[in-house]
Amino acid sequence: MAGLCLRCACEDFFCNLKQRLHTISVVEAFENLAEVLAKMDLGKIVSRRASKGMSQRVETLINRKKEGTISKDESVELERFLALDLLINLAKARAKRLLAA
């Protein structure tokens, strides 16, 4: 599993998350992603970025929130994207520390 592409894993994860948006808890989402990240190659964790499509979706949601036109479902989706982005950045920071050790 060390060769698994982080972008692909995260895109699959976010796709599944979006489909289960109303039934998955944030804790459950973090646990699922942490499990995927734990199986990754540390170098790949550090070097990967969100896909263009995912970045565009988050940007769209942020703009809607700023404009005051975001729906309740979109607001929940945005909050989960941002929370998971935080988790990924924490995983990247940890991976960088482990690689430097």
PDB file of N, CA and C in Angstrom:
ATOM      1  N   MET A   1       0.818  -1.194   0.000  1.00  0.00           N
ATOM      2  CA  MET A   1       0.000   0.000   0.000  1.00  0.00           C
ATOM      3  C   MET A   1       0.861   1.257   0.000  1.00  0.00           C
ATOM      4  N   ALA A   2       2.172   1.095   0.259  1.00  0.00           N
ATOM      5  CA  ALA A   2       3.050   2.258   0.319  1.00  0.00           C
ATOM      6  C   ALA A   2       3.078   3.004  -1.000  1.00  0.00           C
ATOM      7  N   GLY A   3       2.819   2.350  -2.117  1.00  0.00           N
ATOM      8  CA  GLY A   3       2.851   3.002  -3.404  1.00  0.00           C
ATOM      9  C   GLY A   3       1.543   3.667  -3.785  1.00  0.00           C
ATOM     10  N   LEU A   4       0.546   3.588  -2.930  1.00  0.00           N
ATOM     11  CA  LEU A   4      -0.757   4.169  -3.221  1.00  0.00           C
ATOM     12  C   LEU A   4      -0.631   5.674  -3.411  1.00  0.00           C
ATOM     13  N   CYS A   5      -1.234   6.193  -4.437  1.00  0.00           N
ATOM     14  CA  CYS A   5      -1.186   7.617  -4.745  1.00  0.00           C
ATOM     15  C   CYS A   5      -2.040   8.388  -3.741  1.00  0.00           C
ATOM     16  N   LEU A   6      -1.434   9.343  -3.052  1.00  0.00           N
ATOM     17  CA  LEU A   6      -2.161  10.122  -2.053  1.00  0.00           C
ATOM     18  C   LEU A   6      -3.315  10.883  -2.686  1.00  0.00           C
ATOM     19  N   ARG A   7      -3.069  11.482  -3.861  1.00  0.00           N
ATOM     20  CA  ARG A   7      -4.137  12.236  -4.529  1.00  0.00           C
ATOM     21  C   ARG A   7      -5.320  11.334  -4.826  1.00  0.00           C
ATOM     22  N   CYS A   8      -5.033  10.146  -5.359  1.00  0.00           N
ATOM     23  CA  CYS A   8      -6.119   9.215  -5.683  1.00  0.00           C
ATOM     24  C   CYS A   8      -6.856   8.778  -4.425  1.00  0.00           C
ATOM     25  N   ALA A   9      -6.089   8.472  -3.387  1.00  0.00           N
ATOM     26  CA  ALA A   9      -6.708   8.037  -2.133  1.00  0.00           C
ATOM     27  C   ALA A   9      -7.575   9.135  -1.544  1.00  0.00           C
ATOM     28  N   CYS A  10      -7.076  10.362  -1.563  1.00  0.00           N
ATOM     29  CA  CYS A  10      -7.850  11.479  -1.008  1.00  0.00           C
ATOM     30  C   CYS A  10      -9.067  11.798  -1.871  1.00  0.00           C
ATOM     31  N   GLU A  11      -8.908  11.746  -3.194  1.00  0.00           N
ATOM     32  CA  GLU A  11     -10.060  11.988  -4.064  1.00  0.00           C
ATOM     33  C   GLU A  11     -11.140  10.937  -3.827  1.00  0.00           C
ATOM     34  N   ASP A  12     -10.731   9.671  -3.729  1.00  0.00           N
ATOM     35  CA  ASP A  12     -11.695   8.620  -3.430  1.00  0.00           C
ATOM     36  C   ASP A  12     -12.346   8.864  -2.080  1.00  0.00           C
ATOM     37  N   PHE A  13     -11.514   9.250  -1.101  1.00  0.00           N
ATOM     38  CA  PHE A  13     -12.021   9.506   0.231  1.00  0.00           C
ATOM     39  C   PHE A  13     -13.038  10.638   0.221  1.00  0.00           C
ATOM     40  N   PHE A  14     -12.693  11.766  -0.444  1.00  0.00           N
ATOM     41  CA  PHE A  14     -13.602  12.906  -0.487  1.00  0.00           C
ATOM     42  C   PHE A  14     -14.864  12.593  -1.282  1.00  0.00           C
ATOM     43  N   CYS A  15     -14.743  11.801  -2.342  1.00  0.00           N
ATOM     44  CA  CYS A  15     -15.915  11.398  -3.118  1.00  0.00           C
ATOM     45  C   CYS A  15     -16.859  10.584  -2.236  1.00  0.00           C
ATOM     46  N   ASN A  16     -16.298   9.622  -1.509  1.00  0.00           N
ATOM     47  CA  ASN A  16     -17.113   8.816  -0.599  1.00  0.00           C
ATOM     48  C   ASN A  16     -17.695   9.675   0.514  1.00  0.00           C
ATOM     49  N   LEU A  17     -16.900  10.629   1.003  1.00  0.00           N
ATOM     50  CA  LEU A  17     -17.376  11.522   2.051  1.00  0.00           C
ATOM     51  C   LEU A  17     -18.568  12.336   1.561  1.00  0.00           C
ATOM     52  N   LYS A  18     -18.460  12.869   0.349  1.00  0.00           N
ATOM     53  CA  LYS A  18     -19.554  13.677  -0.193  1.00  0.00           C
ATOM     54  C   LYS A  18     -20.820  12.835  -0.328  1.00  0.00           C
ATOM     55  N   GLN A  19     -20.670  11.585  -0.747  1.00  0.00           N
ATOM     56  CA  GLN A  19     -21.826  10.709  -0.898  1.00  0.00           C
ATOM     57  C   GLN A  19     -22.453  10.391   0.456  1.00  0.00           C
ATOM     58  N   ARG A  20     -21.637  10.353   1.516  1.00  0.00           N
ATOM     59  CA  ARG A  20     -22.122  10.004   2.847  1.00  0.00           C
ATOM     60  C   ARG A  20     -22.245  11.229   3.743  1.00  0.00           C
ATOM     61  N   LEU A  21     -22.304  12.397   3.156  1.00  0.00           N
ATOM     62  CA  LEU A  21     -22.228  13.671   3.865  1.00  0.00           C
ATOM     63  C   LEU A  21     -23.118  13.738   5.102  1.00  0.00           C
ATOM     64  N   HIS A  22     -24.306  13.205   5.008  1.00  0.00           N
ATOM     65  CA  HIS A  22     -25.258  13.333   6.115  1.00  0.00           C
ATOM     66  C   HIS A  22     -25.174  12.185   7.119  1.00  0.00           C
ATOM     67  N   THR A  23     -24.373  11.175   6.830  1.00  0.00           N
ATOM     68  CA  THR A  23     -24.352  10.010   7.710  1.00  0.00           C
ATOM     69  C   THR A  23     -23.010   9.769   8.377  1.00  0.00           C
ATOM     70  N   ILE A  24     -21.978  10.498   8.003  1.00  0.00           N
ATOM     71  CA  ILE A  24     -20.647  10.269   8.561  1.00  0.00           C
ATOM     72  C   ILE A  24     -20.309  11.376   9.551  1.00  0.00           C
ATOM     73  N   SER A  25     -19.723  10.989  10.667  1.00  0.00           N
ATOM     74  CA  SER A  25     -19.301  12.000  11.644  1.00  0.00           C
ATOM     75  C   SER A  25     -17.899  12.476  11.282  1.00  0.00           C
ATOM     76  N   VAL A  26     -17.538  13.624  11.800  1.00  0.00           N
ATOM     77  CA  VAL A  26     -16.209  14.160  11.545  1.00  0.00           C
ATOM     78  C   VAL A  26     -15.149  13.222  12.113  1.00  0.00           C
ATOM     79  N   VAL A  27     -15.393  12.688  13.288  1.00  0.00           N
ATOM     80  CA  VAL A  27     -14.441  11.757  13.898  1.00  0.00           C
ATOM     81  C   VAL A  27     -14.252  10.536  13.003  1.00  0.00           C
ATOM     82  N   GLU A  28     -15.338   9.996  12.503  1.00  0.00           N
ATOM     83  CA  GLU A  28     -15.265   8.842  11.611  1.00  0.00           C
ATOM     84  C   GLU A  28     -14.492   9.199  10.340  1.00  0.00           C
ATOM     85  N   ALA A  29     -14.732  10.372   9.806  1.00  0.00           N
ATOM     86  CA  ALA A  29     -14.016  10.815   8.607  1.00  0.00           C
ATOM     87  C   ALA A  29     -12.520  10.921   8.888  1.00  0.00           C
ATOM     88  N   PHE A  30     -12.153  11.504  10.016  1.00  0.00           N
ATOM     89  CA  PHE A  30     -10.739  11.631  10.370  1.00  0.00           C
ATOM     90  C   PHE A  30     -10.102  10.265  10.563  1.00  0.00           C
ATOM     91  N   GLU A  31     -10.807   9.361  11.225  1.00  0.00           N
ATOM     92  CA  GLU A  31     -10.267   8.017  11.434  1.00  0.00           C
ATOM     93  C   GLU A  31     -10.018   7.311  10.112  1.00  0.00           C
ATOM     94  N   ASN A  32     -10.954   7.438   9.187  1.00  0.00           N
ATOM     95  CA  ASN A  32     -10.801   6.802   7.882  1.00  0.00           C
ATOM     96  C   ASN A  32      -9.609   7.374   7.124  1.00  0.00           C
ATOM     97  N   LEU A  33      -9.485   8.686   7.111  1.00  0.00           N
ATOM     98  CA  LEU A  33      -8.384   9.306   6.392  1.00  0.00           C
ATOM     99  C   LEU A  33      -7.055   9.030   7.084  1.00  0.00           C
ATOM    100  N   ALA A  34      -7.029   9.054   8.388  1.00  0.00           N
ATOM    101  CA  ALA A  34      -5.790   8.770   9.118  1.00  0.00           C
ATOM    102  C   ALA A  34      -5.298   7.356   8.797  1.00  0.00           C
ATOM    103  N   GLU A  35      -6.216   6.424   8.661  1.00  0.00           N
ATOM    104  CA  GLU A  35      -5.840   5.056   8.313  1.00  0.00           C
ATOM    105  C   GLU A  35      -5.203   5.011   6.920  1.00  0.00           C
ATOM    106  N   VAL A  36      -5.784   5.732   5.974  1.00  0.00           N
ATOM    107  CA  VAL A  36      -5.224   5.785   4.624  1.00  0.00           C
ATOM    108  C   VAL A  36      -3.843   6.426   4.652  1.00  0.00           C
ATOM    109  N   LEU A  37      -3.725   7.544   5.363  1.00  0.00           N
ATOM    110  CA  LEU A  37      -2.452   8.260   5.418  1.00  0.00           C
ATOM    111  C   LEU A  37      -1.366   7.433   6.108  1.00  0.00           C
ATOM    112  N   ALA A  38      -1.741   6.670   7.106  1.00  0.00           N
ATOM    113  CA  ALA A  38      -0.773   5.855   7.831  1.00  0.00           C
ATOM    114  C   ALA A  38      -0.118   4.810   6.939  1.00  0.00           C
ATOM    115  N   LYS A  39      -0.780   4.446   5.861  1.00  0.00           N
ATOM    116  CA  LYS A  39      -0.266   3.420   4.958  1.00  0.00           C
ATOM    117  C   LYS A  39       0.508   4.006   3.781  1.00  0.00           C
ATOM    118  N   MET A  40       0.651   5.311   3.757  1.00  0.00           N
ATOM    119  CA  MET A  40       1.291   5.988   2.637  1.00  0.00           C
ATOM    120  C   MET A  40       2.801   6.052   2.817  1.00  0.00           C
ATOM    121  N   ASP A  41       3.471   6.222   1.708  1.00  0.00           N
ATOM    122  CA  ASP A  41       4.895   6.527   1.683  1.00  0.00           C
ATOM    123  C   ASP A  41       5.051   7.963   2.175  1.00  0.00           C
ATOM    124  N   LEU A  42       5.925   8.191   3.153  1.00  0.00           N
ATOM    125  CA  LEU A  42       6.064   9.525   3.750  1.00  0.00           C
ATOM    126  C   LEU A  42       6.413  10.592   2.721  1.00  0.00           C
ATOM    127  N   GLY A  43       7.283  10.260   1.791  1.00  0.00           N
ATOM    128  CA  GLY A  43       7.656  11.223   0.752  1.00  0.00           C
ATOM    129  C   GLY A  43       6.480  11.631  -0.098  1.00  0.00           C
ATOM    130  N   LYS A  44       5.585  10.687  -0.364  1.00  0.00           N
ATOM    131  CA  LYS A  44       4.404  11.003  -1.172  1.00  0.00           C
ATOM    132  C   LYS A  44       3.422  11.875  -0.398  1.00  0.00           C
ATOM    133  N   ILE A  45       3.324  11.650   0.899  1.00  0.00           N
ATOM    134  CA  ILE A  45       2.437  12.488   1.714  1.00  0.00           C
ATOM    135  C   ILE A  45       2.901  13.939   1.644  1.00  0.00           C
ATOM    136  N   VAL A  46       4.198  14.142   1.786  1.00  0.00           N
ATOM    137  CA  VAL A  46       4.760  15.498   1.802  1.00  0.00           C
ATOM    138  C   VAL A  46       4.572  16.195   0.460  1.00  0.00           C
ATOM    139  N   SER A  47       4.707  15.460  -0.635  1.00  0.00           N
ATOM    140  CA  SER A  47       4.736  16.097  -1.951  1.00  0.00           C
ATOM    141  C   SER A  47       3.378  16.269  -2.626  1.00  0.00           C
ATOM    142  N   ARG A  48       2.362  15.615  -2.171  1.00  0.00           N
ATOM    143  CA  ARG A  48       1.073  15.650  -2.864  1.00  0.00           C
ATOM    144  C   ARG A  48       0.241  16.865  -2.514  1.00  0.00           C
ATOM    145  N   ARG A  49      -0.576  17.245  -3.481  1.00  0.00           N
ATOM    146  CA  ARG A  49      -1.516  18.361  -3.324  1.00  0.00           C
ATOM    147  C   ARG A  49      -2.899  17.892  -3.763  1.00  0.00           C
ATOM    148  N   ALA A  50      -3.900  18.674  -3.388  1.00  0.00           N
ATOM    149  CA  ALA A  50      -5.275  18.367  -3.789  1.00  0.00           C
ATOM    150  C   ALA A  50      -5.402  18.474  -5.305  1.00  0.00           C
ATOM    151  N   SER A  51      -6.325  17.707  -5.854  1.00  0.00           N
ATOM    152  CA  SER A  51      -6.549  17.772  -7.295  1.00  0.00           C
ATOM    153  C   SER A  51      -7.120  19.134  -7.673  1.00  0.00           C
ATOM    154  N   LYS A  52      -7.005  19.471  -8.945  1.00  0.00           N
ATOM    155  CA  LYS A  52      -7.536  20.748  -9.436  1.00  0.00           C
ATOM    156  C   LYS A  52      -9.050  20.810  -9.200  1.00  0.00           C
ATOM    157  N   GLY A  53      -9.736  19.714  -9.452  1.00  0.00           N
ATOM    158  CA  GLY A  53     -11.186  19.683  -9.257  1.00  0.00           C
ATOM    159  C   GLY A  53     -11.579  19.899  -7.809  1.00  0.00           C
ATOM    160  N   MET A  54     -10.842  19.264  -6.895  1.00  0.00           N
ATOM    161  CA  MET A  54     -11.138  19.419  -5.476  1.00  0.00           C
ATOM    162  C   MET A  54     -10.862  20.855  -5.039  1.00  0.00           C
ATOM    163  N   SER A  55      -9.736  21.406  -5.489  1.00  0.00           N
ATOM    164  CA  SER A  55      -9.389  22.787  -5.135  1.00  0.00           C
ATOM    165  C   SER A  55     -10.438  23.765  -5.659  1.00  0.00           C
ATOM    166  N   GLN A  56     -10.901  23.538  -6.872  1.00  0.00           N
ATOM    167  CA  GLN A  56     -11.929  24.412  -7.458  1.00  0.00           C
ATOM    168  C   GLN A  56     -13.230  24.325  -6.672  1.00  0.00           C
ATOM    169  N   ARG A  57     -13.588  23.121  -6.227  1.00  0.00           N
ATOM    170  CA  ARG A  57     -14.823  22.958  -5.454  1.00  0.00           C
ATOM    171  C   ARG A  57     -14.733  23.732  -4.140  1.00  0.00           C
ATOM    172  N   VAL A  58     -13.602  23.605  -3.458  1.00  0.00           N
ATOM    173  CA  VAL A  58     -13.422  24.317  -2.194  1.00  0.00           C
ATOM    174  C   VAL A  58     -13.447  25.822  -2.435  1.00  0.00           C
ATOM    175  N   GLU A  59     -12.790  26.278  -3.486  1.00  0.00           N
ATOM    176  CA  GLU A  59     -12.787  27.704  -3.822  1.00  0.00           C
ATOM    177  C   GLU A  59     -14.206  28.202  -4.093  1.00  0.00           C
ATOM    178  N   THR A  60     -14.989  27.418  -4.828  1.00  0.00           N
ATOM    179  CA  THR A  60     -16.385  27.776  -5.104  1.00  0.00           C
ATOM    180  C   THR A  60     -17.176  27.904  -3.808  1.00  0.00           C
ATOM    181  N   LEU A  61     -16.990  26.929  -2.913  1.00  0.00           N
ATOM    182  CA  LEU A  61     -17.720  26.956  -1.638  1.00  0.00           C
ATOM    183  C   LEU A  61     -17.303  28.159  -0.794  1.00  0.00           C
ATOM    184  N   ILE A  62     -16.000  28.470  -0.779  1.00  0.00           N
ATOM    185  CA  ILE A  62     -15.518  29.631  -0.016  1.00  0.00           C
ATOM    186  C   ILE A  62     -16.122  30.917  -0.577  1.00  0.00           C
ATOM    187  N   ASN A  63     -16.142  31.032  -1.897  1.00  0.00           N
ATOM    188  CA  ASN A  63     -16.732  32.228  -2.519  1.00  0.00           C
ATOM    189  C   ASN A  63     -18.214  32.347  -2.197  1.00  0.00           C
ATOM    190  N   ARG A  64     -18.933  31.233  -2.239  1.00  0.00           N
ATOM    191  CA  ARG A  64     -20.362  31.273  -1.897  1.00  0.00           C
ATOM    192  C   ARG A  64     -20.570  31.696  -0.449  1.00  0.00           C
ATOM    193  N   LYS A  65     -19.682  31.225   0.427  1.00  0.00           N
ATOM    194  CA  LYS A  65     -19.799  31.613   1.829  1.00  0.00           C
ATOM    195  C   LYS A  65     -19.549  33.110   1.989  1.00  0.00           C
ATOM    196  N   LYS A  66     -18.520  33.632   1.323  1.00  0.00           N
ATOM    197  CA  LYS A  66     -18.216  35.070   1.390  1.00  0.00           C
ATOM    198  C   LYS A  66     -19.370  35.907   0.850  1.00  0.00           C
ATOM    199  N   GLU A  67     -20.022  35.402  -0.214  1.00  0.00           N
ATOM    200  CA  GLU A  67     -21.134  36.129  -0.843  1.00  0.00           C
ATOM    201  C   GLU A  67     -22.442  35.957  -0.082  1.00  0.00           C
ATOM    202  N   GLY A  68     -22.468  35.022   0.858  1.00  0.00           N
ATOM    203  CA  GLY A  68     -23.687  34.762   1.611  1.00  0.00           C
ATOM    204  C   GLY A  68     -24.702  33.918   0.854  1.00  0.00           C
ATOM    205  N   THR A  69     -24.247  33.191  -0.164  1.00  0.00           N
ATOM    206  CA  THR A  69     -25.165  32.388  -0.984  1.00  0.00           C
ATOM    207  C   THR A  69     -24.974  30.896  -0.786  1.00  0.00           C
ATOM    208  N   ILE A  70     -24.216  30.506   0.223  1.00  0.00           N
ATOM    209  CA  ILE A  70     -23.937  29.094   0.456  1.00  0.00           C
ATOM    210  C   ILE A  70     -25.144  28.431   1.119  1.00  0.00           C
ATOM    211  N   SER A  71     -25.475  27.233   0.659  1.00  0.00           N
ATOM    212  CA  SER A  71     -26.581  26.488   1.269  1.00  0.00           C
ATOM    213  C   SER A  71     -26.092  25.789   2.535  1.00  0.00           C
ATOM    214  N   LYS A  72     -27.014  25.285   3.318  1.00  0.00           N
ATOM    215  CA  LYS A  72     -26.650  24.575   4.548  1.00  0.00           C
ATOM    216  C   LYS A  72     -25.806  23.345   4.224  1.00  0.00           C
ATOM    217  N   ASP A  73     -26.208  22.570   3.220  1.00  0.00           N
ATOM    218  CA  ASP A  73     -25.446  21.378   2.827  1.00  0.00           C
ATOM    219  C   ASP A  73     -24.047  21.749   2.340  1.00  0.00           C
ATOM    220  N   GLU A  74     -23.951  22.822   1.574  1.00  0.00           N
ATOM    221  CA  GLU A  74     -22.645  23.270   1.082  1.00  0.00           C
ATOM    222  C   GLU A  74     -21.769  23.759   2.235  1.00  0.00           C
ATOM    223  N   SER A  75     -22.376  24.394   3.212  1.00  0.00           N
ATOM    224  CA  SER A  75     -21.632  24.860   4.372  1.00  0.00           C
ATOM    225  C   SER A  75     -21.041  23.683   5.145  1.00  0.00           C
ATOM    226  N   VAL A  76     -21.829  22.633   5.311  1.00  0.00           N
ATOM    227  CA  VAL A  76     -21.341  21.415   5.971  1.00  0.00           C
ATOM    228  C   VAL A  76     -20.213  20.792   5.144  1.00  0.00           C
ATOM    229  N   GLU A  77     -20.398  20.744   3.836  1.00  0.00           N
ATOM    230  CA  GLU A  77     -19.374  20.197   2.945  1.00  0.00           C
ATOM    231  C   GLU A  77     -18.074  20.999   3.075  1.00  0.00           C
ATOM    232  N   LEU A  78     -18.172  22.318   3.077  1.00  0.00           N
ATOM    233  CA  LEU A  78     -16.994  23.171   3.199  1.00  0.00           C
ATOM    234  C   LEU A  78     -16.290  22.938   4.533  1.00  0.00           C
ATOM    235  N   GLU A  79     -17.032  22.903   5.609  1.00  0.00           N
ATOM    236  CA  GLU A  79     -16.433  22.689   6.922  1.00  0.00           C
ATOM    237  C   GLU A  79     -15.697  21.361   6.970  1.00  0.00           C
ATOM    238  N   ARG A  80     -16.234  20.349   6.359  1.00  0.00           N
ATOM    239  CA  ARG A  80     -15.567  19.042   6.344  1.00  0.00           C
ATOM    240  C   ARG A  80     -14.328  19.063   5.464  1.00  0.00           C
ATOM    241  N   PHE A  81     -14.398  19.730   4.327  1.00  0.00           N
ATOM    242  CA  PHE A  81     -13.202  19.868   3.487  1.00  0.00           C
ATOM    243  C   PHE A  81     -12.102  20.581   4.267  1.00  0.00           C
ATOM    244  N   LEU A  82     -12.444  21.661   4.951  1.00  0.00           N
ATOM    245  CA  LEU A  82     -11.447  22.429   5.684  1.00  0.00           C
ATOM    246  C   LEU A  82     -10.876  21.641   6.851  1.00  0.00           C
ATOM    247  N   ALA A  83     -11.713  20.890   7.536  1.00  0.00           N
ATOM    248  CA  ALA A  83     -11.235  20.056   8.638  1.00  0.00           C
ATOM    249  C   ALA A  83     -10.296  18.969   8.119  1.00  0.00           C
ATOM    250  N   LEU A  84     -10.648  18.358   7.018  1.00  0.00           N
ATOM    251  CA  LEU A  84      -9.796  17.317   6.456  1.00  0.00           C
ATOM    252  C   LEU A  84      -8.509  17.898   5.888  1.00  0.00           C
ATOM    253  N   ASP A  85      -8.578  19.111   5.361  1.00  0.00           N
ATOM    254  CA  ASP A  85      -7.370  19.778   4.894  1.00  0.00           C
ATOM    255  C   ASP A  85      -6.415  20.001   6.062  1.00  0.00           C
ATOM    256  N   LEU A  86      -6.949  20.382   7.196  1.00  0.00           N
ATOM    257  CA  LEU A  86      -6.130  20.545   8.391  1.00  0.00           C
ATOM    258  C   LEU A  86      -5.463  19.225   8.762  1.00  0.00           C
ATOM    259  N   LEU A  87      -6.222  18.147   8.738  1.00  0.00           N
ATOM    260  CA  LEU A  87      -5.672  16.832   9.066  1.00  0.00           C
ATOM    261  C   LEU A  87      -4.552  16.456   8.095  1.00  0.00           C
ATOM    262  N   ILE A  88      -4.758  16.687   6.814  1.00  0.00           N
ATOM    263  CA  ILE A  88      -3.739  16.363   5.820  1.00  0.00           C
ATOM    264  C   ILE A  88      -2.482  17.198   6.046  1.00  0.00           C
ATOM    265  N   ASN A  89      -2.657  18.484   6.348  1.00  0.00           N
ATOM    266  CA  ASN A  89      -1.493  19.327   6.619  1.00  0.00           C
ATOM    267  C   ASN A  89      -0.750  18.879   7.873  1.00  0.00           C
ATOM    268  N   LEU A  90      -1.479  18.423   8.873  1.00  0.00           N
ATOM    269  CA  LEU A  90      -0.830  17.884  10.066  1.00  0.00           C
ATOM    270  C   LEU A  90      -0.055  16.610   9.716  1.00  0.00           C
ATOM    271  N   ALA A  91      -0.644  15.758   8.883  1.00  0.00           N
ATOM    272  CA  ALA A  91       0.043  14.534   8.452  1.00  0.00           C
ATOM    273  C   ALA A  91       1.298  14.877   7.655  1.00  0.00           C
ATOM    274  N   LYS A  92       1.214  15.892   6.803  1.00  0.00           N
ATOM    275  CA  LYS A  92       2.395  16.322   6.041  1.00  0.00           C
ATOM    276  C   LYS A  92       3.499  16.820   6.976  1.00  0.00           C
ATOM    277  N   ALA A  93       3.127  17.603   7.964  1.00  0.00           N
ATOM    278  CA  ALA A  93       4.119  18.123   8.912  1.00  0.00           C
ATOM    279  C   ALA A  93       4.777  16.981   9.669  1.00  0.00           C
ATOM    280  N   ARG A  94       3.987  16.021  10.092  1.00  0.00           N
ATOM    281  CA  ARG A  94       4.545  14.867  10.809  1.00  0.00           C
ATOM    282  C   ARG A  94       5.457  14.066   9.895  1.00  0.00           C
ATOM    283  N   ALA A  95       5.033  13.861   8.653  1.00  0.00           N
ATOM    284  CA  ALA A  95       5.852  13.105   7.706  1.00  0.00           C
ATOM    285  C   ALA A  95       7.187  13.818   7.465  1.00  0.00           C
ATOM    286  N   LYS A  96       7.163  15.150   7.362  1.00  0.00           N
ATOM    287  CA  LYS A  96       8.406  15.906   7.173  1.00  0.00           C
ATOM    288  C   LYS A  96       9.344  15.707   8.365  1.00  0.00           C
ATOM    289  N   ARG A  97       8.786  15.724   9.582  1.00  0.00           N
ATOM    290  CA  ARG A  97       9.608  15.515  10.766  1.00  0.00           C
ATOM    291  C   ARG A  97      10.199  14.103  10.769  1.00  0.00           C
ATOM    292  N   LEU A  98       9.399  13.114  10.397  1.00  0.00           N
ATOM    293  CA  LEU A  98       9.883  11.730  10.376  1.00  0.00           C
ATOM    294  C   LEU A  98      10.959  11.546   9.311  1.00  0.00           C
ATOM    295  N   LEU A  99      10.790  12.192   8.166  1.00  0.00           N
ATOM    296  CA  LEU A  99      11.787  12.079   7.104  1.00  0.00           C
ATOM    297  C   LEU A  99      13.104  12.747   7.513  1.00  0.00           C
ATOM    298  N   ALA A 100      13.009  13.830   8.305  1.00  0.00           N
ATOM    299  CA  ALA A 100      14.207  14.542   8.727  1.00  0.00           C
ATOM    300  C   ALA A 100      14.962  13.819   9.840  1.00  0.00           C
ATOM    301  N   ALA A 101      14.258  12.929  10.519  1.00  0.00           N
ATOM    302  CA  ALA A 101      14.871  12.226  11.667  1.00  0.00           C
ATOM    303  C   ALA A 101      15.856  11.154  11.227  1.00  0.00           C
TER     304      ALA A 101
END
